[in-house]
Amino acid sequence: MNRIIRKIGCAVMAIALIAGVFTGCKASASKLPEYTSVKEQSGELPSTGTVGDVEYKILDRGQLGAYNKPRGYYLDQLEQLDTPYFIVISAGTQTRTGGELKITDLGMQGSTLVIVVEETKASGDRYTGLDCPTAALETNKPVSNLLIVTTKGEQLNKIEP
């Protein structure tokens, strides 16, 4: 009787394994949310444009100031009237330089602005100083519904400036 149960168990496991392979099932894989991307047909993300009813400009790291913030994002605006708004995304303070944070896609999910970022960790074992990889999006108006996720599907939380 045990041999029959064992054979049935092995058959069920083999079928489950084969089904997972053919359906592309990955239990641990993170998934990005569904959204309408602004990428061009070529796959390129325009550095300026419109997403929903928001005009945007992706800022280069050279255009950003030095930030030392925890991992997450915050909203900012200059103190003068009629200035742009900024969504500043931080990878958090790291003990090695060379890490990078890059906006790889933008889109809309209903009334929510979705920003996808790719994090690259610094390589090497040596301490080379403190670094805080950041990315920023300049907008023409405040964005109240915002979802920021990594390319691995991890959602970043809002932090206080």
C-alpha atoms as a PDB file:
ATOM      1  CA  MET A   1       0.000   0.000   0.000  1.00  0.00           C
ATOM      2  CA  ASN A   2       2.832   2.434   0.831  1.00  0.00           C
ATOM      3  CA  ARG A   3       4.395   1.809  -2.610  1.00  0.00           C
ATOM      4  CA  ILE A   4       1.161   2.837  -4.331  1.00  0.00           C
ATOM      5  CA  ILE A   5       0.837   5.992  -2.232  1.00  0.00           C
ATOM      6  CA  ARG A   6       4.480   6.842  -2.881  1.00  0.00           C
ATOM      7  CA  LYS A   7       4.048   6.358  -6.666  1.00  0.00           C
ATOM      8  CA  ILE A   8       0.908   8.508  -6.678  1.00  0.00           C
ATOM      9  CA  GLY A   9       2.703  11.203  -4.692  1.00  0.00           C
ATOM     10  CA  CYS A  10       5.661  11.171  -7.108  1.00  0.00           C
ATOM     11  CA  ALA A  11       3.322  11.367 -10.102  1.00  0.00           C
ATOM     12  CA  VAL A  12       1.441  14.331  -8.602  1.00  0.00           C
ATOM     13  CA  MET A  13       4.713  16.135  -7.880  1.00  0.00           C
ATOM     14  CA  ALA A  14       6.007  15.481 -11.406  1.00  0.00           C
ATOM     15  CA  ILE A  15       2.784  16.792 -12.958  1.00  0.00           C
ATOM     16  CA  ALA A  16       2.913  19.918 -10.759  1.00  0.00           C
ATOM     17  CA  LEU A  17       6.555  20.504 -11.703  1.00  0.00           C
ATOM     18  CA  ILE A  18       5.874  20.094 -15.425  1.00  0.00           C
ATOM     19  CA  ALA A  19       2.805  22.349 -15.245  1.00  0.00           C
ATOM     20  CA  GLY A  20       4.861  25.043 -13.511  1.00  0.00           C
ATOM     21  CA  VAL A  21       7.546  24.878 -16.198  1.00  0.00           C
ATOM     22  CA  PHE A  22       5.070  25.137 -19.073  1.00  0.00           C
ATOM     23  CA  THR A  23       3.061  27.987 -17.541  1.00  0.00           C
ATOM     24  CA  GLY A  24       6.140  29.939 -16.523  1.00  0.00           C
ATOM     25  CA  CYS A  25       5.078  29.763 -12.882  1.00  0.00           C
ATOM     26  CA  LYS A  26       7.554  31.294 -10.450  1.00  0.00           C
ATOM     27  CA  ALA A  27       6.325  31.403  -6.898  1.00  0.00           C
ATOM     28  CA  SER A  28       8.902  33.954  -5.764  1.00  0.00           C
ATOM     29  CA  ALA A  29       8.784  36.259  -8.797  1.00  0.00           C
ATOM     30  CA  SER A  30       7.648  39.810  -8.145  1.00  0.00           C
ATOM     31  CA  LYS A  31       5.250  41.347 -10.587  1.00  0.00           C
ATOM     32  CA  LEU A  32       4.909  44.919 -11.768  1.00  0.00           C
ATOM     33  CA  PRO A  33       1.449  46.460 -11.613  1.00  0.00           C
ATOM     34  CA  GLU A  34      -0.660  46.817 -14.746  1.00  0.00           C
ATOM     35  CA  TYR A  35      -0.299  50.338 -16.200  1.00  0.00           C
ATOM     36  CA  THR A  36      -0.233  52.181 -19.511  1.00  0.00           C
ATOM     37  CA  SER A  37       3.386  53.043 -20.317  1.00  0.00           C
ATOM     38  CA  VAL A  38       4.599  56.189 -22.075  1.00  0.00           C
ATOM     39  CA  LYS A  39       7.505  54.334 -23.707  1.00  0.00           C
ATOM     40  CA  GLU A  40       7.814  54.755 -27.442  1.00  0.00           C
ATOM     41  CA  GLN A  41       7.397  51.792 -29.813  1.00  0.00           C
ATOM     42  CA  SER A  42      11.183  51.503 -29.917  1.00  0.00           C
ATOM     43  CA  GLY A  43      11.143  50.838 -26.158  1.00  0.00           C
ATOM     44  CA  GLU A  44      12.780  54.163 -25.338  1.00  0.00           C
ATOM     45  CA  LEU A  45      11.471  56.252 -22.453  1.00  0.00           C
ATOM     46  CA  PRO A  46      11.257  59.931 -23.483  1.00  0.00           C
ATOM     47  CA  SER A  47      13.105  62.157 -20.997  1.00  0.00           C
ATOM     48  CA  THR A  48      10.333  64.755 -21.333  1.00  0.00           C
ATOM     49  CA  GLY A  49       6.674  64.415 -22.208  1.00  0.00           C
ATOM     50  CA  THR A  50       3.201  63.992 -20.824  1.00  0.00           C
ATOM     51  CA  VAL A  51       1.846  61.146 -18.733  1.00  0.00           C
ATOM     52  CA  GLY A  52      -1.881  61.422 -18.091  1.00  0.00           C
ATOM     53  CA  ASP A  53      -2.404  65.161 -17.642  1.00  0.00           C
ATOM     54  CA  VAL A  54       1.028  65.748 -16.071  1.00  0.00           C
ATOM     55  CA  GLU A  55       3.960  67.192 -17.995  1.00  0.00           C
ATOM     56  CA  TYR A  56       7.222  65.618 -16.829  1.00  0.00           C
ATOM     57  CA  LYS A  57      10.981  65.851 -17.207  1.00  0.00           C
ATOM     58  CA  ILE A  58      13.371  63.162 -15.971  1.00  0.00           C
ATOM     59  CA  LEU A  59      16.326  64.854 -14.286  1.00  0.00           C
ATOM     60  CA  ASP A  60      19.907  63.612 -14.667  1.00  0.00           C
ATOM     61  CA  ARG A  61      21.885  62.855 -11.548  1.00  0.00           C
ATOM     62  CA  GLY A  62      24.070  65.875 -12.336  1.00  0.00           C
ATOM     63  CA  GLN A  63      20.970  68.090 -12.057  1.00  0.00           C
ATOM     64  CA  LEU A  64      20.212  66.824  -8.570  1.00  0.00           C
ATOM     65  CA  GLY A  65      21.618  68.110  -5.330  1.00  0.00           C
ATOM     66  CA  ALA A  66      23.257  65.897  -2.755  1.00  0.00           C
ATOM     67  CA  TYR A  67      20.659  63.936  -0.850  1.00  0.00           C
ATOM     68  CA  ASN A  68      21.078  61.791   2.213  1.00  0.00           C
ATOM     69  CA  LYS A  69      17.650  60.238   2.638  1.00  0.00           C
ATOM     70  CA  PRO A  70      16.362  56.833   3.618  1.00  0.00           C
ATOM     71  CA  ARG A  71      15.099  54.492   0.908  1.00  0.00           C
ATOM     72  CA  GLY A  72      11.786  55.702  -0.539  1.00  0.00           C
ATOM     73  CA  TYR A  73      10.456  58.863  -2.160  1.00  0.00           C
ATOM     74  CA  TYR A  74       9.261  62.315  -1.244  1.00  0.00           C
ATOM     75  CA  LEU A  75       7.623  65.289  -2.936  1.00  0.00           C
ATOM     76  CA  ASP A  76       9.322  68.665  -3.054  1.00  0.00           C
ATOM     77  CA  GLN A  77       8.855  72.136  -4.499  1.00  0.00           C
ATOM     78  CA  LEU A  78      11.027  75.227  -4.586  1.00  0.00           C
ATOM     79  CA  GLU A  79       9.917  78.062  -2.327  1.00  0.00           C
ATOM     80  CA  GLN A  80       9.195  80.513  -5.167  1.00  0.00           C
ATOM     81  CA  LEU A  81       5.738  80.773  -6.739  1.00  0.00           C
ATOM     82  CA  ASP A  82       4.991  78.999 -10.005  1.00  0.00           C
ATOM     83  CA  THR A  83       7.937  76.616  -9.780  1.00  0.00           C
ATOM     84  CA  PRO A  84       7.903  72.965 -10.808  1.00  0.00           C
ATOM     85  CA  TYR A  85       7.222  70.073  -8.471  1.00  0.00           C
ATOM     86  CA  PHE A  86       9.711  67.279  -7.873  1.00  0.00           C
ATOM     87  CA  ILE A  87       9.310  63.600  -7.057  1.00  0.00           C
ATOM     88  CA  VAL A  88      12.653  62.600  -5.532  1.00  0.00           C
ATOM     89  CA  ILE A  89      13.373  58.882  -5.217  1.00  0.00           C
ATOM     90  CA  SER A  90      16.172  57.638  -2.971  1.00  0.00           C
ATOM     91  CA  ALA A  91      17.889  54.248  -2.797  1.00  0.00           C
ATOM     92  CA  GLY A  92      19.027  55.121   0.726  1.00  0.00           C
ATOM     93  CA  THR A  93      22.491  55.872   2.035  1.00  0.00           C
ATOM     94  CA  GLN A  94      25.054  53.270   0.993  1.00  0.00           C
ATOM     95  CA  THR A  95      28.610  52.732   2.205  1.00  0.00           C
ATOM     96  CA  ARG A  96      30.045  52.225  -1.274  1.00  0.00           C
ATOM     97  CA  THR A  97      29.897  54.589  -4.226  1.00  0.00           C
ATOM     98  CA  GLY A  98      28.842  53.345  -7.626  1.00  0.00           C
ATOM     99  CA  GLY A  99      25.231  52.418  -6.951  1.00  0.00           C
ATOM    100  CA  GLU A 100      22.634  53.837  -9.295  1.00  0.00           C
ATOM    101  CA  LEU A 101      18.919  54.538  -9.352  1.00  0.00           C
ATOM    102  CA  LYS A 102      17.329  55.112 -12.741  1.00  0.00           C
ATOM    103  CA  ILE A 103      13.746  55.774 -13.864  1.00  0.00           C
ATOM    104  CA  THR A 104      13.060  53.108 -16.497  1.00  0.00           C
ATOM    105  CA  ASP A 105       9.349  53.649 -17.150  1.00  0.00           C
ATOM    106  CA  LEU A 106       6.386  55.901 -16.431  1.00  0.00           C
ATOM    107  CA  GLY A 107       2.728  55.278 -16.925  1.00  0.00           C
ATOM    108  CA  MET A 108      -0.795  55.581 -15.654  1.00  0.00           C
ATOM    109  CA  GLN A 109      -2.888  53.077 -13.746  1.00  0.00           C
ATOM    110  CA  GLY A 110      -6.272  54.793 -13.744  1.00  0.00           C
ATOM    111  CA  SER A 111      -5.592  58.103 -11.988  1.00  0.00           C
ATOM    112  CA  THR A 112      -2.335  56.880 -10.401  1.00  0.00           C
ATOM    113  CA  LEU A 113       1.068  57.848 -11.788  1.00  0.00           C
ATOM    114  CA  VAL A 114       3.323  54.771 -11.855  1.00  0.00           C
ATOM    115  CA  ILE A 115       7.093  55.258 -11.816  1.00  0.00           C
ATOM    116  CA  VAL A 116       9.340  52.233 -12.325  1.00  0.00           C
ATOM    117  CA  VAL A 117      12.951  52.503 -11.130  1.00  0.00           C
ATOM    118  CA  GLU A 118      15.916  50.209 -11.527  1.00  0.00           C
ATOM    119  CA  GLU A 119      18.363  49.921  -8.647  1.00  0.00           C
ATOM    120  CA  THR A 120      21.972  48.971  -9.233  1.00  0.00           C
ATOM    121  CA  LYS A 121      23.956  48.216  -6.114  1.00  0.00           C
ATOM    122  CA  ALA A 122      27.579  49.252  -5.826  1.00  0.00           C
ATOM    123  CA  SER A 123      29.987  46.426  -6.474  1.00  0.00           C
ATOM    124  CA  GLY A 124      33.119  45.634  -4.549  1.00  0.00           C
ATOM    125  CA  ASP A 125      33.944  44.878  -0.950  1.00  0.00           C
ATOM    126  CA  ARG A 126      35.822  48.061  -0.082  1.00  0.00           C
ATOM    127  CA  TYR A 127      34.356  51.003   1.738  1.00  0.00           C
ATOM    128  CA  THR A 128      34.743  53.977  -0.566  1.00  0.00           C
ATOM    129  CA  GLY A 129      32.588  56.580   1.141  1.00  0.00           C
ATOM    130  CA  LEU A 130      28.917  57.343   1.553  1.00  0.00           C
ATOM    131  CA  ASP A 131      26.611  57.584  -1.427  1.00  0.00           C
ATOM    132  CA  CYS A 132      22.874  58.023  -1.826  1.00  0.00           C
ATOM    133  CA  PRO A 133      21.717  57.101  -5.329  1.00  0.00           C
ATOM    134  CA  THR A 134      18.732  59.242  -6.332  1.00  0.00           C
ATOM    135  CA  ALA A 135      16.455  59.824  -9.285  1.00  0.00           C
ATOM    136  CA  ALA A 136      13.993  62.654  -9.764  1.00  0.00           C
ATOM    137  CA  LEU A 137      11.033  63.548 -11.899  1.00  0.00           C
ATOM    138  CA  GLU A 138      10.082  67.191 -12.405  1.00  0.00           C
ATOM    139  CA  THR A 139       6.351  67.793 -12.960  1.00  0.00           C
ATOM    140  CA  ASN A 140       4.287  70.847 -13.838  1.00  0.00           C
ATOM    141  CA  LYS A 141       1.784  70.183 -11.036  1.00  0.00           C
ATOM    142  CA  PRO A 142       1.514  68.180  -7.829  1.00  0.00           C
ATOM    143  CA  VAL A 143       0.791  64.476  -8.152  1.00  0.00           C
ATOM    144  CA  SER A 144      -1.471  63.109  -5.433  1.00  0.00           C
ATOM    145  CA  ASN A 145      -1.823  59.473  -6.561  1.00  0.00           C
ATOM    146  CA  LEU A 146       1.610  57.952  -6.927  1.00  0.00           C
ATOM    147  CA  LEU A 147       3.005  54.418  -7.071  1.00  0.00           C
ATOM    148  CA  ILE A 148       6.769  53.898  -7.247  1.00  0.00           C
ATOM    149  CA  VAL A 149       8.049  50.370  -7.788  1.00  0.00           C
ATOM    150  CA  THR A 150      11.397  48.792  -8.578  1.00  0.00           C
ATOM    151  CA  THR A 151      11.881  46.651 -11.669  1.00  0.00           C
ATOM    152  CA  LYS A 152      11.664  43.697  -9.266  1.00  0.00           C
ATOM    153  CA  GLY A 153       8.154  44.750  -8.221  1.00  0.00           C
ATOM    154  CA  GLU A 154       9.034  46.148  -4.778  1.00  0.00           C
ATOM    155  CA  GLN A 155       6.975  49.183  -3.808  1.00  0.00           C
ATOM    156  CA  LEU A 156       8.822  52.180  -2.349  1.00  0.00           C
ATOM    157  CA  ASN A 157       7.201  54.127   0.475  1.00  0.00           C
ATOM    158  CA  LYS A 158       6.792  57.839   0.940  1.00  0.00           C
ATOM    159  CA  ILE A 159       9.263  59.448   3.344  1.00  0.00           C
ATOM    160  CA  GLU A 160       9.295  62.927   4.856  1.00  0.00           C
ATOM    161  CA  PRO A 161      11.649  65.446   3.179  1.00  0.00           C
END
